[in-house]
Amino acid sequence: MSFFFVSLMRIKIAQILGKPDLAPAAWVRKLVTLCDQAPATPFDAVRVVLEKELGKSIEQVFETFDEKPLGSASIAQVHRARVKGDKRDVVVKVQHPGVEKLMMVDIRNLQIFALYMQKTDIKFDLFSMTKEIEKQIGYEFDFKREANAMEKIRRFLYDNNRKSPVLVPRVFPNLVTRKVLVMEFMNGIPILSLGDEMAKRGINPHGKMAEAAKFNILHSLSQAYGQMILKSGFFHADPHPGNILIGKGSEVALLDYGQVKELPDHLRLGYANLVIAIADNNASLALQSFRELGIATVAKCKNEQQELLQLAKTMFDTEMPPGTTTLQPFSEDSSIKKISVEAFPEELFSVLRTVVLLRGLSVGIGINYSCAQHWRAMAEEALHASGRLSTGRKQKRRCSSLRRLYPGPRES
């Protein structure tokens, strides 16, 4: 049991650190492989959980069932199967027995560590983050909640687009319990294996065709997340590489809806304002947005507004500074050393984590882009729909943004 507990901690650490914007490429390749390589529960124990939860034997429910799991993560493992009377392949997600109690002990230890770290040179409200992690991980053990979240996000994306920017698996609602979830099987390769897969097929990973495919993938992900966060407020909050598959035609499949978040309107709209501030490089609006969001800061430098804008970009934008591929958040020149974050709203942590994970993905596939620039129009629409942005102000801001993005020919 102790080995299993240590392995669970290792998986969570791998998900946090295994991002190309924070770690060297060799580290990332190793850490990413850990994300779906937790110790697998023996099949005999899987059978017990399945048959207890579904009230029937495996043979009564499934035509075929692969005993070897497709992957095993910190909370559950997944098996490929086929439901009786249905020709489609499905994925069966089964919770590891006894894992919930172990994970909660892990979280308590993390909170003690966060309180200790706040007494050091890291002046950031880490404890609030751990409280949000505690809440979100608690939700991950309820697969009924996950199934409902998956369907809610699927309906939102499919209803609000001619074609959904990402694929969301269908749920088999009559085969869902708190510890078992049966869903549509999605075929594809992990996103960070894209370059290797292209090389195998004789495609230059750095050629025009590959770059176009990578751009389309990133655009699809960014479009989906912008809509979820800014328009709906209900979003998938765990876009680490293990949860993203790339299929034919660069289609993106988004998996694992255990971590979802619903933002209250005041935070959703406050964040929309911050997106515009970052996109427009507007330091005073960034300061106003931080105050509106309840992010309390104390400056330890003279040019507070500019440093706060830089801090906002580090926390809430995906664009990397020119010439850099890894961030140094705790270096002496870092904004987080110059501006102390004394209070950070727990509910906003999922947005921060999502943006940070998206940045890691963009660095991993070699495309540097700004989600704030991409989401700017969506942020305006959200504010306009709420009555906080008049049509005139919206048009003025849009024209200003277009001039910045497309400045036109220079006069000779």
Protein backbone atom coordinates (compact mmCIF):
# COMPACT_ATOMS: atom_id res chain seq x y z
CA MET A 1 0.00 0.00 0.00
CA SER A 2 2.83 2.41 0.81
CA PHE A 3 4.33 1.84 -2.67
CA PHE A 4 0.95 2.65 -4.22
CA PHE A 5 0.68 5.83 -2.13
CA VAL A 6 4.14 7.03 -3.15
CA SER A 7 3.28 6.27 -6.77
CA LEU A 8 0.12 8.39 -6.58
CA MET A 9 2.18 11.32 -5.32
CA ARG A 10 4.65 10.74 -8.14
CA ILE A 11 1.87 10.88 -10.76
CA LYS A 12 0.49 14.18 -9.43
CA ILE A 13 3.97 15.72 -9.30
CA ALA A 14 4.58 14.55 -12.88
CA GLN A 15 1.39 16.28 -14.02
CA ILE A 16 2.47 19.55 -12.38
CA LEU A 17 6.15 19.58 -13.42
CA GLY A 18 5.98 17.72 -16.74
CA LYS A 19 5.46 20.87 -18.80
CA PRO A 20 7.89 22.08 -21.47
CA ASP A 21 7.73 25.69 -20.23
CA LEU A 22 9.02 24.69 -16.77
CA ALA A 23 11.36 21.76 -17.36
CA PRO A 24 14.00 20.66 -19.91
CA ALA A 25 12.74 18.53 -22.83
CA ALA A 26 14.38 15.32 -21.55
CA TRP A 27 12.64 15.71 -18.18
CA VAL A 28 9.30 16.40 -19.82
CA ARG A 29 9.47 13.25 -21.96
CA LYS A 30 10.07 11.16 -18.84
CA LEU A 31 7.53 12.94 -16.63
CA VAL A 32 4.76 12.80 -19.25
CA THR A 33 5.11 9.02 -19.50
CA LEU A 34 4.34 8.80 -15.76
CA CYS A 35 0.93 10.49 -16.15
CA ASP A 36 -0.80 7.26 -17.18
CA GLN A 37 1.60 4.78 -15.56
CA ALA A 38 0.38 4.49 -11.99
CA PRO A 39 0.45 0.92 -10.66
CA ALA A 40 -2.48 -0.93 -12.22
CA THR A 41 -5.08 -2.60 -10.02
CA PRO A 42 -5.05 -6.39 -10.65
CA PHE A 43 -7.89 -7.54 -12.90
CA ASP A 44 -9.47 -9.70 -10.17
CA ALA A 45 -9.95 -6.55 -8.07
CA VAL A 46 -11.22 -4.64 -11.12
CA ARG A 47 -13.80 -7.38 -11.68
CA VAL A 48 -15.00 -7.08 -8.07
CA VAL A 49 -15.47 -3.29 -8.38
CA LEU A 50 -17.22 -3.56 -11.76
CA GLU A 51 -19.63 -6.30 -10.79
CA LYS A 52 -20.48 -4.69 -7.46
CA GLU A 53 -21.12 -1.30 -9.09
CA LEU A 54 -23.03 -2.54 -12.16
CA GLY A 55 -24.90 -5.33 -10.37
CA LYS A 56 -24.07 -7.82 -13.13
CA SER A 57 -21.13 -9.96 -14.22
CA ILE A 58 -18.68 -8.57 -16.76
CA GLU A 59 -19.83 -11.23 -19.23
CA GLN A 60 -23.45 -10.09 -18.91
CA VAL A 61 -22.61 -6.47 -19.74
CA PHE A 62 -19.70 -6.65 -22.18
CA GLU A 63 -19.17 -8.58 -25.41
CA THR A 64 -15.41 -8.16 -25.05
CA PHE A 65 -13.28 -6.72 -22.24
CA ASP A 66 -9.50 -6.28 -22.37
CA GLU A 67 -8.06 -7.32 -19.03
CA LYS A 68 -4.89 -5.31 -19.65
CA PRO A 69 -5.63 -1.61 -19.02
CA LEU A 70 -5.00 1.03 -21.69
CA GLY A 71 -3.53 3.18 -18.93
CA SER A 72 -3.57 3.67 -15.19
CA ALA A 73 -3.54 7.08 -13.51
CA SER A 74 -3.68 8.29 -9.92
CA ILE A 75 -7.41 7.73 -9.35
CA ALA A 76 -8.53 5.15 -11.91
CA GLN A 77 -7.49 2.92 -14.75
CA VAL A 78 -9.16 2.46 -18.14
CA HIS A 79 -9.92 -0.68 -20.15
CA ARG A 80 -11.05 -1.10 -23.74
CA ALA A 81 -14.26 -3.08 -24.15
CA ARG A 82 -17.40 -3.53 -26.24
CA VAL A 83 -20.90 -3.39 -24.77
CA LYS A 84 -23.27 -6.23 -25.68
CA GLY A 85 -25.54 -5.28 -28.56
CA ASP A 86 -23.32 -2.37 -29.64
CA LYS A 87 -20.58 -2.59 -32.27
CA ARG A 88 -18.67 0.47 -31.00
CA ASP A 89 -15.60 0.19 -28.79
CA VAL A 90 -15.88 1.83 -25.39
CA VAL A 91 -13.56 2.83 -22.57
CA VAL A 92 -14.37 1.58 -19.09
CA LYS A 93 -12.96 3.77 -16.31
CA VAL A 94 -12.68 1.93 -12.98
CA GLN A 95 -11.65 3.58 -9.71
CA HIS A 96 -8.72 2.08 -7.79
CA PRO A 97 -10.03 0.53 -4.54
CA GLY A 98 -9.16 2.52 -1.40
CA VAL A 99 -7.49 5.35 -3.30
CA GLU A 100 -9.75 8.16 -2.01
CA LYS A 101 -8.53 7.96 1.60
CA LEU A 102 -4.89 7.87 0.48
CA MET A 103 -5.32 10.92 -1.74
CA MET A 104 -6.93 12.97 1.03
CA VAL A 105 -3.94 12.25 3.30
CA ASP A 106 -1.72 13.42 0.44
CA ILE A 107 -3.66 16.70 0.19
CA ARG A 108 -3.38 17.38 3.95
CA ASN A 109 0.39 16.95 3.72
CA LEU A 110 0.46 19.30 0.72
CA GLN A 111 -1.39 21.97 2.72
CA ILE A 112 1.12 21.75 5.58
CA PHE A 113 3.94 22.12 3.04
CA ALA A 114 2.20 25.13 1.44
CA LEU A 115 1.96 26.92 4.80
CA TYR A 116 5.66 26.30 5.36
CA MET A 117 6.60 27.57 1.87
CA GLN A 118 4.66 30.80 2.44
CA LYS A 119 7.07 31.63 5.26
CA THR A 120 10.03 31.47 2.85
CA ASP A 121 10.97 33.78 -0.03
CA ILE A 122 7.98 32.62 -2.10
CA LYS A 123 5.41 35.33 -1.39
CA PHE A 124 2.35 33.72 -2.92
CA ASP A 125 -0.92 32.56 -1.39
CA LEU A 126 -0.20 28.85 -1.90
CA PHE A 127 -2.56 27.66 0.83
CA SER A 128 -5.64 28.94 -1.03
CA MET A 129 -4.49 26.96 -4.03
CA THR A 130 -4.24 23.77 -1.98
CA LYS A 131 -7.78 24.32 -0.67
CA GLU A 132 -9.06 24.47 -4.25
CA ILE A 133 -7.02 21.36 -5.12
CA GLU A 134 -8.62 19.58 -2.15
CA LYS A 135 -12.09 20.50 -3.41
CA GLN A 136 -11.40 19.56 -7.03
CA ILE A 137 -9.71 16.23 -6.25
CA GLY A 138 -12.62 15.34 -3.97
CA TYR A 139 -14.91 15.75 -6.97
CA GLU A 140 -12.76 13.42 -9.08
CA PHE A 141 -13.93 10.40 -7.09
CA ASP A 142 -17.55 10.83 -8.20
CA PHE A 143 -17.83 9.43 -11.73
CA LYS A 144 -21.53 10.33 -11.92
CA ARG A 145 -20.52 13.96 -11.54
CA GLU A 146 -17.84 13.48 -14.20
CA ALA A 147 -20.35 11.96 -16.63
CA ASN A 148 -22.75 14.88 -16.12
CA ALA A 149 -19.90 17.37 -16.63
CA MET A 150 -18.80 15.62 -19.81
CA GLU A 151 -22.31 15.77 -21.26
CA LYS A 152 -22.78 19.41 -20.22
CA ILE A 153 -19.54 20.51 -21.89
CA ARG A 154 -20.24 18.35 -24.92
CA ARG A 155 -23.67 19.93 -25.41
CA PHE A 156 -22.29 23.45 -24.95
CA LEU A 157 -19.48 23.03 -27.50
CA TYR A 158 -21.59 21.14 -30.02
CA ASP A 159 -24.58 23.51 -29.73
CA ASN A 160 -22.53 26.73 -29.98
CA ASN A 161 -20.36 25.83 -32.98
CA ARG A 162 -21.02 24.57 -36.49
CA LYS A 163 -18.38 22.02 -35.61
CA SER A 164 -17.10 21.59 -32.08
CA PRO A 165 -13.43 22.65 -31.83
CA VAL A 166 -12.71 19.49 -29.82
CA LEU A 167 -14.22 16.02 -29.64
CA VAL A 168 -15.86 15.06 -26.35
CA PRO A 169 -16.64 11.36 -25.69
CA ARG A 170 -20.26 10.26 -25.42
CA VAL A 171 -21.30 8.75 -22.10
CA PHE A 172 -23.26 5.49 -21.75
CA PRO A 173 -25.59 6.81 -19.00
CA ASN A 174 -26.96 3.39 -18.00
CA LEU A 175 -23.38 2.25 -17.27
CA VAL A 176 -22.29 5.01 -14.91
CA THR A 177 -21.89 4.75 -11.13
CA ARG A 178 -19.78 6.61 -8.59
CA LYS A 179 -16.82 4.30 -9.30
CA VAL A 180 -17.41 3.14 -12.89
CA LEU A 181 -17.78 5.21 -16.07
CA VAL A 182 -18.33 3.79 -19.56
CA MET A 183 -17.80 6.17 -22.47
CA GLU A 184 -17.06 6.28 -26.19
CA PHE A 185 -13.56 5.15 -27.23
CA MET A 186 -11.55 7.93 -28.88
CA ASN A 187 -8.79 6.92 -31.27
CA GLY A 188 -5.66 9.05 -31.46
CA ILE A 189 -2.10 9.68 -30.30
CA PRO A 190 -0.98 11.71 -27.26
CA ILE A 191 -0.37 15.34 -28.19
CA LEU A 192 3.29 15.40 -27.14
CA SER A 193 3.96 12.31 -29.31
CA LEU A 194 2.89 14.25 -32.39
CA GLY A 195 6.42 15.09 -33.57
CA ASP A 196 7.60 11.47 -33.24
CA GLU A 197 4.52 10.22 -35.10
CA MET A 198 5.13 12.68 -37.94
CA ALA A 199 8.76 11.58 -38.20
CA LYS A 200 7.66 7.92 -38.40
CA ARG A 201 5.42 8.81 -41.34
CA GLY A 202 8.19 10.65 -43.15
CA ILE A 203 6.79 14.11 -42.42
CA ASN A 204 9.27 16.81 -41.46
CA PRO A 205 8.14 17.84 -37.92
CA HIS A 206 9.38 21.37 -38.66
CA GLY A 207 8.04 21.64 -42.21
CA LYS A 208 5.10 23.73 -43.41
CA MET A 209 2.63 20.83 -43.30
CA ALA A 210 3.58 19.96 -39.72
CA GLU A 211 3.49 23.59 -38.61
CA ALA A 212 0.01 24.02 -40.10
CA ALA A 213 -1.22 20.90 -38.30
CA LYS A 214 0.24 22.07 -34.98
CA PHE A 215 -1.31 25.51 -35.39
CA ASN A 216 -4.74 23.98 -36.11
CA ILE A 217 -4.45 21.75 -33.04
CA LEU A 218 -3.52 24.64 -30.78
CA HIS A 219 -6.22 26.85 -32.31
CA SER A 220 -8.86 24.16 -31.65
CA LEU A 221 -7.81 23.76 -28.02
CA SER A 222 -7.62 27.50 -27.45
CA GLN A 223 -11.00 28.07 -29.08
CA ALA A 224 -12.63 25.42 -26.90
CA TYR A 225 -11.12 26.76 -23.68
CA GLY A 226 -11.89 30.39 -24.50
CA GLN A 227 -15.53 29.51 -25.07
CA MET A 228 -15.78 27.34 -21.97
CA ILE A 229 -14.13 29.80 -19.58
CA LEU A 230 -15.42 33.14 -20.89
CA LYS A 231 -18.82 32.31 -22.40
CA SER A 232 -20.04 29.36 -20.34
CA GLY A 233 -18.01 29.66 -17.14
CA PHE A 234 -18.12 25.85 -16.89
CA PHE A 235 -14.89 24.31 -18.14
CA HIS A 236 -12.60 21.30 -18.29
CA ALA A 237 -9.80 22.22 -15.89
CA ASP A 238 -7.18 19.55 -16.55
CA PRO A 239 -5.59 19.92 -20.02
CA HIS A 240 -2.38 18.07 -19.22
CA PRO A 241 -0.85 16.11 -22.16
CA GLY A 242 -2.26 12.76 -21.03
CA ASN A 243 -5.81 14.07 -21.52
CA ILE A 244 -5.41 15.23 -25.13
CA LEU A 245 -5.41 12.93 -28.16
CA ILE A 246 -4.84 13.90 -31.79
CA GLY A 247 -6.85 11.98 -34.38
CA LYS A 248 -7.19 12.02 -38.16
CA GLY A 249 -7.14 15.43 -39.80
CA SER A 250 -5.61 16.98 -36.66
CA GLU A 251 -8.88 16.54 -34.75
CA VAL A 252 -8.44 17.07 -31.02
CA ALA A 253 -10.11 14.82 -28.45
CA LEU A 254 -10.36 16.14 -24.89
CA LEU A 255 -10.54 13.42 -22.25
CA ASP A 256 -11.07 13.08 -18.48
CA TYR A 257 -13.70 15.42 -17.02
CA GLY A 258 -13.00 14.64 -13.37
CA GLN A 259 -11.63 18.16 -12.86
CA VAL A 260 -14.17 20.70 -14.05
CA LYS A 261 -14.90 24.14 -12.67
CA GLU A 262 -17.87 26.49 -12.72
CA LEU A 263 -16.87 30.12 -12.30
CA PRO A 264 -19.34 32.52 -10.67
CA ASP A 265 -20.25 35.37 -13.01
CA HIS A 266 -18.29 38.02 -11.11
CA LEU A 267 -15.06 36.03 -11.56
CA ARG A 268 -15.85 35.08 -15.17
CA LEU A 269 -16.44 38.73 -16.11
CA GLY A 270 -13.52 39.98 -14.02
CA TYR A 271 -11.31 37.50 -15.82
CA ALA A 272 -12.71 38.69 -19.18
CA ASN A 273 -11.57 42.19 -18.22
CA LEU A 274 -8.11 40.86 -17.36
CA VAL A 275 -7.86 39.05 -20.71
CA ILE A 276 -8.48 42.36 -22.49
CA ALA A 277 -5.91 44.10 -20.27
CA ILE A 278 -3.26 41.52 -21.16
CA ALA A 279 -4.15 41.52 -24.87
CA ASP A 280 -4.02 45.33 -24.99
CA ASN A 281 -0.90 45.60 -22.79
CA ASN A 282 -2.96 47.86 -20.53
CA ALA A 283 -1.26 48.05 -17.12
CA SER A 284 -3.91 50.20 -15.42
CA LEU A 285 -6.71 47.87 -16.56
CA ALA A 286 -4.70 44.88 -15.31
CA LEU A 287 -4.42 46.52 -11.88
CA GLN A 288 -8.16 47.24 -11.89
CA SER A 289 -8.90 43.64 -12.92
CA PHE A 290 -6.71 42.20 -10.15
CA ARG A 291 -8.62 44.26 -7.60
CA GLU A 292 -11.97 43.19 -9.07
CA LEU A 293 -10.95 39.53 -8.96
CA GLY A 294 -9.82 39.78 -5.34
CA ILE A 295 -6.13 39.20 -6.09
CA ALA A 296 -4.39 41.24 -3.38
CA THR A 297 -0.81 42.26 -4.14
CA VAL A 298 1.94 44.21 -2.41
CA ALA A 299 4.60 45.77 -4.64
CA LYS A 300 8.28 45.65 -3.75
CA CYS A 301 9.35 47.80 -6.70
CA LYS A 302 8.87 51.32 -8.09
CA ASN A 303 7.09 50.55 -11.38
CA GLU A 304 4.23 48.63 -9.76
CA GLN A 305 1.74 48.74 -12.64
CA GLN A 306 4.17 47.48 -15.29
CA GLU A 307 5.45 44.69 -13.04
CA LEU A 308 1.87 43.74 -12.18
CA LEU A 309 1.03 43.56 -15.90
CA GLN A 310 4.03 41.28 -16.38
CA LEU A 311 2.86 39.15 -13.45
CA ALA A 312 -0.61 38.93 -15.03
CA LYS A 313 0.96 37.72 -18.28
CA THR A 314 3.03 35.10 -16.46
CA MET A 315 -0.01 33.82 -14.60
CA PHE A 316 -2.77 34.18 -17.20
CA ASP A 317 -1.28 34.16 -20.70
CA THR A 318 0.34 31.41 -22.75
CA GLU A 319 2.83 33.57 -24.67
CA MET A 320 6.47 33.06 -23.75
CA PRO A 321 8.91 36.01 -23.68
CA PRO A 322 10.96 36.32 -26.91
CA GLY A 323 13.91 33.94 -27.05
CA THR A 324 12.83 31.81 -24.07
CA THR A 325 11.50 28.26 -23.93
CA THR A 326 11.39 27.78 -20.15
CA LEU A 327 10.12 30.10 -17.45
CA GLN A 328 12.09 30.99 -14.33
CA PRO A 329 9.21 32.05 -12.04
CA PHE A 330 11.41 32.40 -8.95
CA SER A 331 14.46 34.12 -10.48
CA GLU A 332 15.53 37.49 -9.08
CA ASP A 333 14.12 39.30 -12.13
CA SER A 334 10.77 37.53 -11.94
CA SER A 335 7.67 39.63 -11.27
CA ILE A 336 6.62 37.17 -8.59
CA LYS A 337 9.70 38.25 -6.60
CA LYS A 338 8.87 41.93 -7.08
CA ILE A 339 5.15 41.69 -6.33
CA SER A 340 3.88 39.65 -3.41
CA VAL A 341 0.52 37.92 -3.95
CA GLU A 342 -1.02 38.13 -0.49
CA ALA A 343 -4.46 36.75 -1.37
CA PHE A 344 -5.69 34.73 -4.34
CA PRO A 345 -9.31 33.55 -4.75
CA GLU A 346 -9.53 29.77 -4.51
CA GLU A 347 -12.04 29.55 -7.35
CA LEU A 348 -9.67 31.27 -9.78
CA PHE A 349 -6.92 28.70 -9.30
CA SER A 350 -8.47 26.36 -11.88
CA VAL A 351 -8.26 29.12 -14.51
CA LEU A 352 -4.62 29.79 -13.60
CA ARG A 353 -3.78 26.08 -13.75
CA THR A 354 -5.57 25.65 -17.08
CA VAL A 355 -3.70 28.54 -18.70
CA VAL A 356 -0.38 27.28 -17.33
CA LEU A 357 -1.07 23.80 -18.74
CA LEU A 358 -2.05 25.27 -22.12
CA ARG A 359 1.22 27.20 -22.17
CA GLY A 360 3.12 23.99 -21.52
CA LEU A 361 1.32 22.33 -24.42
CA SER A 362 2.10 25.20 -26.80
CA VAL A 363 5.80 25.09 -25.90
CA GLY A 364 5.73 21.30 -26.22
CA ILE A 365 4.50 21.37 -29.82
CA GLY A 366 6.66 24.36 -30.72
CA ILE A 367 4.06 27.10 -31.26
CA ASN A 368 4.33 30.32 -29.24
CA TYR A 369 0.98 32.10 -29.07
CA SER A 370 -1.04 34.35 -26.78
CA CYS A 371 -4.32 32.94 -25.50
CA ALA A 372 -5.20 36.47 -24.36
CA GLN A 373 -5.01 37.71 -27.96
CA HIS A 374 -7.04 34.73 -29.14
CA TRP A 375 -9.65 35.12 -26.40
CA ARG A 376 -9.94 38.90 -26.58
CA ALA A 377 -13.02 38.95 -28.84
CA MET A 378 -14.70 36.31 -26.64
CA ALA A 379 -13.93 38.40 -23.55
CA GLU A 380 -15.55 41.43 -25.18
CA GLU A 381 -18.62 39.38 -26.12
CA ALA A 382 -18.94 38.14 -22.54
CA LEU A 383 -18.73 41.68 -21.14
CA HIS A 384 -21.11 43.03 -23.80
CA ALA A 385 -23.67 40.28 -23.08
CA SER A 386 -23.56 41.21 -19.38
CA GLY A 387 -24.15 44.89 -20.14
CA ARG A 388 -20.68 45.88 -18.91
CA LEU A 389 -19.41 46.88 -22.36
CA SER A 390 -21.40 49.19 -24.65
CA THR A 391 -21.48 48.61 -28.41
CA GLY A 392 -19.48 51.82 -28.98
CA ARG A 393 -16.71 50.83 -26.56
CA LYS A 394 -16.71 47.32 -28.01
CA GLN A 395 -16.27 48.63 -31.56
CA LYS A 396 -13.54 51.08 -30.47
CA ARG A 397 -11.62 48.34 -28.68
CA ARG A 398 -12.03 45.97 -31.64
CA CYS A 399 -10.64 48.56 -34.10
CA SER A 400 -7.70 49.25 -31.77
CA SER A 401 -7.00 45.52 -31.55
CA LEU A 402 -7.18 45.08 -35.32
CA ARG A 403 -4.74 47.95 -35.86
CA ARG A 404 -2.31 46.32 -33.46
CA LEU A 405 -2.59 42.87 -35.06
CA TYR A 406 -2.70 44.11 -38.65
CA PRO A 407 -0.94 47.50 -38.74
CA GLY A 408 -0.88 47.66 -42.55
CA PRO A 409 1.92 48.93 -44.78
CA ARG A 410 4.35 51.46 -43.39
CA GLU A 411 4.71 54.82 -45.04
CA SER A 412 7.98 55.32 -46.87
